[in-house]
Amino acid sequence: MTPLQGGGTRGFIATAMGHKYYGVELRQEEVDRINKQMIDLNEKFVIACGDAKDYPHKENFFDFSYTCPPYYNLEVYSKLATDLSAAKTYMDFLKMLKLCIQGVYKGLKKDSLSVWVVGNFRDKKGELIPFNSHLIMLAKKVGFKLHDELVFWGASKCASQRSGQFVANRKSVRVHEYIIILKK
């Protein structure tokens, strides 16, 4: 199960590895694009158009969940009021994200894992936001236990170019993300 589906990559990989897959994506045009791509690639998985804050409809059904949520408003995916990336404030974003996490919790079977790939980020004013910590706190509030946390080093190709800016603004360049593993 994947809330906040996005571009379909997770669905194609899961299917290629022989797993059943169920994703939820808010934007109908993205669901249509993924469905067309499934036809082109002769692949099949379930992609539902809907709000991840309201899914899944089946409780205690899924064995595993993984996703990568938006980083607040750093990249706005749509202007829909229900889109997390369109939240007016970071606190509104966190409230919406908590509802998504609750849906995942309800949808998973007992002892199942939910994997979230997140990174800390700077908001548009330059303040560092400890997104990984916020996600963990929200997950614990809905009942998840923190099972593990891994650091994934995946330096962007432009990180070395941006590193020269450290002297000017004294802000480090992010080259890693956190893989947050939660257990129901």
C-alpha atoms as a PDB file:
ATOM      1  CA  MET A   1       0.000   0.000   0.000  1.00  0.00           C
ATOM      2  CA  THR A   2       1.316   3.417  -0.904  1.00  0.00           C
ATOM      3  CA  PRO A   3      -0.444   6.605   0.091  1.00  0.00           C
ATOM      4  CA  LEU A   4       0.820   9.718  -1.679  1.00  0.00           C
ATOM      5  CA  GLN A   5       1.547   7.564  -4.734  1.00  0.00           C
ATOM      6  CA  GLY A   6       3.107  10.151  -7.006  1.00  0.00           C
ATOM      7  CA  GLY A   7       4.563   9.033 -10.318  1.00  0.00           C
ATOM      8  CA  GLY A   8       4.024   5.280 -10.143  1.00  0.00           C
ATOM      9  CA  THR A   9       7.638   4.154  -9.763  1.00  0.00           C
ATOM     10  CA  ARG A  10       6.966   2.260  -6.535  1.00  0.00           C
ATOM     11  CA  GLY A  11       4.077   0.398  -8.169  1.00  0.00           C
ATOM     12  CA  PHE A  12       6.128  -0.648 -11.176  1.00  0.00           C
ATOM     13  CA  ILE A  13       9.012  -1.844  -9.011  1.00  0.00           C
ATOM     14  CA  ALA A  14       6.757  -3.764  -6.599  1.00  0.00           C
ATOM     15  CA  THR A  15       4.977  -5.452  -9.507  1.00  0.00           C
ATOM     16  CA  ALA A  16       8.266  -6.319 -11.231  1.00  0.00           C
ATOM     17  CA  MET A  17       9.365  -7.978  -7.976  1.00  0.00           C
ATOM     18  CA  GLY A  18       6.197 -10.106  -7.900  1.00  0.00           C
ATOM     19  CA  HIS A  19       4.269  -8.211  -5.218  1.00  0.00           C
ATOM     20  CA  LYS A  20       0.668  -7.067  -5.296  1.00  0.00           C
ATOM     21  CA  TYR A  21       0.506  -3.299  -5.110  1.00  0.00           C
ATOM     22  CA  TYR A  22      -2.124  -0.736  -4.167  1.00  0.00           C
ATOM     23  CA  GLY A  23      -1.449   2.994  -4.495  1.00  0.00           C
ATOM     24  CA  VAL A  24      -3.510   6.107  -3.796  1.00  0.00           C
ATOM     25  CA  GLU A  25      -2.929   9.321  -5.744  1.00  0.00           C
ATOM     26  CA  LEU A  26      -4.850  12.577  -5.376  1.00  0.00           C
ATOM     27  CA  ARG A  27      -4.478  13.883  -8.932  1.00  0.00           C
ATOM     28  CA  GLN A  28      -6.678  12.233 -11.561  1.00  0.00           C
ATOM     29  CA  GLU A  29      -4.349  13.275 -14.402  1.00  0.00           C
ATOM     30  CA  GLU A  30      -1.487  11.442 -12.668  1.00  0.00           C
ATOM     31  CA  VAL A  31      -3.630   8.319 -12.180  1.00  0.00           C
ATOM     32  CA  ASP A  32      -4.563   8.456 -15.882  1.00  0.00           C
ATOM     33  CA  ARG A  33      -0.890   8.824 -16.862  1.00  0.00           C
ATOM     34  CA  ILE A  34       0.130   5.844 -14.688  1.00  0.00           C
ATOM     35  CA  ASN A  35      -2.723   3.723 -16.080  1.00  0.00           C
ATOM     36  CA  LYS A  36      -1.587   4.510 -19.634  1.00  0.00           C
ATOM     37  CA  GLN A  37       1.998   3.681 -18.698  1.00  0.00           C
ATOM     38  CA  MET A  38       0.819   0.330 -17.267  1.00  0.00           C
ATOM     39  CA  ILE A  39      -0.761  -0.483 -20.630  1.00  0.00           C
ATOM     40  CA  ASP A  40       2.392   0.585 -22.498  1.00  0.00           C
ATOM     41  CA  LEU A  41       4.588  -1.562 -20.219  1.00  0.00           C
ATOM     42  CA  ASN A  42       2.117  -4.465 -19.976  1.00  0.00           C
ATOM     43  CA  GLU A  43       2.072  -4.196 -16.162  1.00  0.00           C
ATOM     44  CA  LYS A  44      -0.891  -4.202 -13.820  1.00  0.00           C
ATOM     45  CA  PHE A  45      -1.367  -2.913 -10.293  1.00  0.00           C
ATOM     46  CA  VAL A  46      -4.083  -0.978  -8.492  1.00  0.00           C
ATOM     47  CA  ILE A  47      -3.851   2.796  -8.502  1.00  0.00           C
ATOM     48  CA  ALA A  48      -6.833   4.590  -6.999  1.00  0.00           C
ATOM     49  CA  CYS A  49      -7.619   8.244  -7.385  1.00  0.00           C
ATOM     50  CA  GLY A  50      -8.395   9.542  -3.943  1.00  0.00           C
ATOM     51  CA  ASP A  51      -7.218  11.424  -0.920  1.00  0.00           C
ATOM     52  CA  ALA A  52      -4.649   9.479   1.123  1.00  0.00           C
ATOM     53  CA  LYS A  53      -6.118  11.076   4.251  1.00  0.00           C
ATOM     54  CA  ASP A  54      -9.308   9.052   3.623  1.00  0.00           C
ATOM     55  CA  TYR A  55      -7.716   5.727   2.586  1.00  0.00           C
ATOM     56  CA  PRO A  56      -7.704   2.841   2.879  1.00  0.00           C
ATOM     57  CA  HIS A  57     -11.259   1.665   3.134  1.00  0.00           C
ATOM     58  CA  LYS A  58     -10.103  -1.772   4.285  1.00  0.00           C
ATOM     59  CA  GLU A  59      -8.735  -2.020   7.810  1.00  0.00           C
ATOM     60  CA  ASN A  60      -6.051  -4.514   8.850  1.00  0.00           C
ATOM     61  CA  PHE A  61      -5.656  -5.608   5.236  1.00  0.00           C
ATOM     62  CA  PHE A  62      -2.161  -4.696   4.004  1.00  0.00           C
ATOM     63  CA  ASP A  63       1.153  -6.366   4.889  1.00  0.00           C
ATOM     64  CA  PHE A  64       3.474  -3.469   4.091  1.00  0.00           C
ATOM     65  CA  SER A  65       3.453   0.213   3.209  1.00  0.00           C
ATOM     66  CA  TYR A  66       6.044   2.554   1.791  1.00  0.00           C
ATOM     67  CA  THR A  67       5.993   6.118   0.575  1.00  0.00           C
ATOM     68  CA  CYS A  68       7.838   9.395   0.224  1.00  0.00           C
ATOM     69  CA  PRO A  69       5.594  12.308   1.217  1.00  0.00           C
ATOM     70  CA  PRO A  70       5.901  15.826  -0.178  1.00  0.00           C
ATOM     71  CA  TYR A  71       8.253  18.208   1.567  1.00  0.00           C
ATOM     72  CA  TYR A  72       5.576  20.682   2.537  1.00  0.00           C
ATOM     73  CA  ASN A  73       5.435  23.370  -0.174  1.00  0.00           C
ATOM     74  CA  LEU A  74       8.914  23.088  -1.664  1.00  0.00           C
ATOM     75  CA  GLU A  75       7.320  21.536  -4.735  1.00  0.00           C
ATOM     76  CA  VAL A  76       3.593  22.146  -5.126  1.00  0.00           C
ATOM     77  CA  TYR A  77       1.986  19.253  -7.005  1.00  0.00           C
ATOM     78  CA  SER A  78      -1.457  20.783  -7.420  1.00  0.00           C
ATOM     79  CA  LYS A  79      -3.626  23.619  -6.176  1.00  0.00           C
ATOM     80  CA  LEU A  80      -6.201  21.234  -4.732  1.00  0.00           C
ATOM     81  CA  ALA A  81      -7.074  22.204  -1.158  1.00  0.00           C
ATOM     82  CA  THR A  82      -6.615  18.559  -0.132  1.00  0.00           C
ATOM     83  CA  ASP A  83      -3.053  18.375  -1.533  1.00  0.00           C
ATOM     84  CA  LEU A  84      -0.487  18.310   1.298  1.00  0.00           C
ATOM     85  CA  SER A  85       1.916  20.386  -0.800  1.00  0.00           C
ATOM     86  CA  ALA A  86      -0.716  23.150  -1.050  1.00  0.00           C
ATOM     87  CA  ALA A  87      -1.157  23.501   2.735  1.00  0.00           C
ATOM     88  CA  LYS A  88      -1.168  27.152   3.836  1.00  0.00           C
ATOM     89  CA  THR A  89       1.181  26.609   6.801  1.00  0.00           C
ATOM     90  CA  TYR A  90       3.616  23.934   7.904  1.00  0.00           C
ATOM     91  CA  MET A  91       1.349  23.172  10.871  1.00  0.00           C
ATOM     92  CA  ASP A  92      -1.571  22.618   8.473  1.00  0.00           C
ATOM     93  CA  PHE A  93       0.696  20.344   6.436  1.00  0.00           C
ATOM     94  CA  LEU A  94       1.555  18.293   9.544  1.00  0.00           C
ATOM     95  CA  LYS A  95      -2.138  17.964  10.486  1.00  0.00           C
ATOM     96  CA  MET A  96      -2.896  16.660   6.996  1.00  0.00           C
ATOM     97  CA  LEU A  97       0.105  14.331   7.080  1.00  0.00           C
ATOM     98  CA  LYS A  98      -1.048  12.902  10.418  1.00  0.00           C
ATOM     99  CA  LEU A  99      -4.357  11.927   8.789  1.00  0.00           C
ATOM    100  CA  CYS A 100      -2.421  10.085   6.056  1.00  0.00           C
ATOM    101  CA  ILE A 101      -0.360   8.266   8.681  1.00  0.00           C
ATOM    102  CA  GLN A 102      -3.566   7.313  10.530  1.00  0.00           C
ATOM    103  CA  GLY A 103      -4.970   5.826   7.336  1.00  0.00           C
ATOM    104  CA  VAL A 104      -1.829   3.777   6.825  1.00  0.00           C
ATOM    105  CA  TYR A 105      -1.957   2.576  10.434  1.00  0.00           C
ATOM    106  CA  LYS A 106      -5.585   1.475  10.066  1.00  0.00           C
ATOM    107  CA  GLY A 107      -4.890  -0.274   6.775  1.00  0.00           C
ATOM    108  CA  LEU A 108      -1.952  -2.346   7.995  1.00  0.00           C
ATOM    109  CA  LYS A 109      -2.159  -5.704   9.697  1.00  0.00           C
ATOM    110  CA  LYS A 110      -0.696  -6.062  13.198  1.00  0.00           C
ATOM    111  CA  ASP A 111       3.136  -6.293  13.222  1.00  0.00           C
ATOM    112  CA  SER A 112       3.348  -4.888   9.663  1.00  0.00           C
ATOM    113  CA  LEU A 113       5.944  -2.306   8.672  1.00  0.00           C
ATOM    114  CA  SER A 114       5.488   1.104   7.116  1.00  0.00           C
ATOM    115  CA  VAL A 115       8.506   2.741   5.470  1.00  0.00           C
ATOM    116  CA  TRP A 116       8.709   6.489   4.934  1.00  0.00           C
ATOM    117  CA  VAL A 117      11.584   8.122   3.054  1.00  0.00           C
ATOM    118  CA  VAL A 118      12.050  11.695   4.217  1.00  0.00           C
ATOM    119  CA  GLY A 119      14.753  14.268   4.631  1.00  0.00           C
ATOM    120  CA  ASN A 120      15.154  17.357   6.688  1.00  0.00           C
ATOM    121  CA  PHE A 121      14.789  20.429   4.518  1.00  0.00           C
ATOM    122  CA  ARG A 122      15.018  24.183   4.543  1.00  0.00           C
ATOM    123  CA  ASP A 123      11.827  26.141   4.193  1.00  0.00           C
ATOM    124  CA  LYS A 124      11.581  29.038   1.786  1.00  0.00           C
ATOM    125  CA  LYS A 125      12.996  31.374   4.460  1.00  0.00           C
ATOM    126  CA  GLY A 126      16.040  29.160   4.984  1.00  0.00           C
ATOM    127  CA  GLU A 127      15.075  27.616   8.338  1.00  0.00           C
ATOM    128  CA  LEU A 128      16.022  23.954   8.728  1.00  0.00           C
ATOM    129  CA  ILE A 129      12.917  21.822   9.304  1.00  0.00           C
ATOM    130  CA  PRO A 130      13.535  18.509  11.161  1.00  0.00           C
ATOM    131  CA  PHE A 131      10.994  16.644   9.050  1.00  0.00           C
ATOM    132  CA  ASN A 132      12.184  13.187  10.061  1.00  0.00           C
ATOM    133  CA  SER A 133      11.581  13.979  13.737  1.00  0.00           C
ATOM    134  CA  HIS A 134       8.161  15.478  13.017  1.00  0.00           C
ATOM    135  CA  LEU A 135       7.105  12.413  11.031  1.00  0.00           C
ATOM    136  CA  ILE A 136       8.221  10.078  13.831  1.00  0.00           C
ATOM    137  CA  MET A 137       6.313  12.106  16.451  1.00  0.00           C
ATOM    138  CA  LEU A 138       3.132  12.048  14.344  1.00  0.00           C
ATOM    139  CA  ALA A 139       3.474   8.314  13.731  1.00  0.00           C
ATOM    140  CA  LYS A 140       3.853   7.602  17.441  1.00  0.00           C
ATOM    141  CA  LYS A 141       0.751   9.676  18.183  1.00  0.00           C
ATOM    142  CA  VAL A 142      -1.347   7.420  15.945  1.00  0.00           C
ATOM    143  CA  GLY A 143       0.061   4.220  17.464  1.00  0.00           C
ATOM    144  CA  PHE A 144       3.144   3.293  15.434  1.00  0.00           C
ATOM    145  CA  LYS A 145       6.371   2.262  17.131  1.00  0.00           C
ATOM    146  CA  LEU A 146       9.692   3.423  15.690  1.00  0.00           C
ATOM    147  CA  HIS A 147      11.190   0.153  14.484  1.00  0.00           C
ATOM    148  CA  ASP A 148      14.327   1.492  12.800  1.00  0.00           C
ATOM    149  CA  GLU A 149      15.866   4.532  11.153  1.00  0.00           C
ATOM    150  CA  LEU A 150      18.400   4.298   8.364  1.00  0.00           C
ATOM    151  CA  VAL A 151      20.391   7.032   6.675  1.00  0.00           C
ATOM    152  CA  PHE A 152      20.429   6.827   2.896  1.00  0.00           C
ATOM    153  CA  TRP A 153      23.292   8.728   1.336  1.00  0.00           C
ATOM    154  CA  GLY A 154      22.317   9.808  -2.139  1.00  0.00           C
ATOM    155  CA  ALA A 155      24.194  12.989  -2.902  1.00  0.00           C
ATOM    156  CA  SER A 156      22.616  14.996  -5.654  1.00  0.00           C
ATOM    157  CA  LYS A 157      24.748  15.735  -8.677  1.00  0.00           C
ATOM    158  CA  CYS A 158      24.669  19.429  -7.875  1.00  0.00           C
ATOM    159  CA  ALA A 159      25.662  19.056  -4.201  1.00  0.00           C
ATOM    160  CA  SER A 160      29.332  19.688  -4.955  1.00  0.00           C
ATOM    161  CA  GLN A 161      28.416  22.812  -6.921  1.00  0.00           C
ATOM    162  CA  ARG A 162      26.239  24.120  -4.083  1.00  0.00           C
ATOM    163  CA  SER A 163      28.839  23.357  -1.416  1.00  0.00           C
ATOM    164  CA  GLY A 164      30.694  26.553  -2.343  1.00  0.00           C
ATOM    165  CA  GLN A 165      27.695  28.489  -1.049  1.00  0.00           C
ATOM    166  CA  PHE A 166      28.481  27.325   2.496  1.00  0.00           C
ATOM    167  CA  VAL A 167      31.004  30.133   2.883  1.00  0.00           C
ATOM    168  CA  ALA A 168      28.397  32.701   1.869  1.00  0.00           C
ATOM    169  CA  ASN A 169      25.386  31.469   3.857  1.00  0.00           C
ATOM    170  CA  ARG A 170      26.869  28.955   6.350  1.00  0.00           C
ATOM    171  CA  LYS A 171      24.272  26.318   5.492  1.00  0.00           C
ATOM    172  CA  SER A 172      25.256  22.748   4.701  1.00  0.00           C
ATOM    173  CA  VAL A 173      24.101  20.938   1.591  1.00  0.00           C
ATOM    174  CA  ARG A 174      21.788  17.966   2.238  1.00  0.00           C
ATOM    175  CA  VAL A 175      23.126  14.778   0.675  1.00  0.00           C
ATOM    176  CA  HIS A 176      21.097  12.201   2.617  1.00  0.00           C
ATOM    177  CA  GLU A 177      17.578  11.142   3.482  1.00  0.00           C
ATOM    178  CA  TYR A 178      16.174   9.095   6.329  1.00  0.00           C
ATOM    179  CA  ILE A 179      14.397   5.802   5.879  1.00  0.00           C
ATOM    180  CA  ILE A 180      11.939   5.730   8.781  1.00  0.00           C
ATOM    181  CA  ILE A 181      10.652   2.234   9.511  1.00  0.00           C
ATOM    182  CA  LEU A 182       7.520   2.131  11.648  1.00  0.00           C
ATOM    183  CA  LYS A 183       5.802  -0.931  13.093  1.00  0.00           C
ATOM    184  CA  LYS A 184       2.146  -1.379  13.887  1.00  0.00           C
END
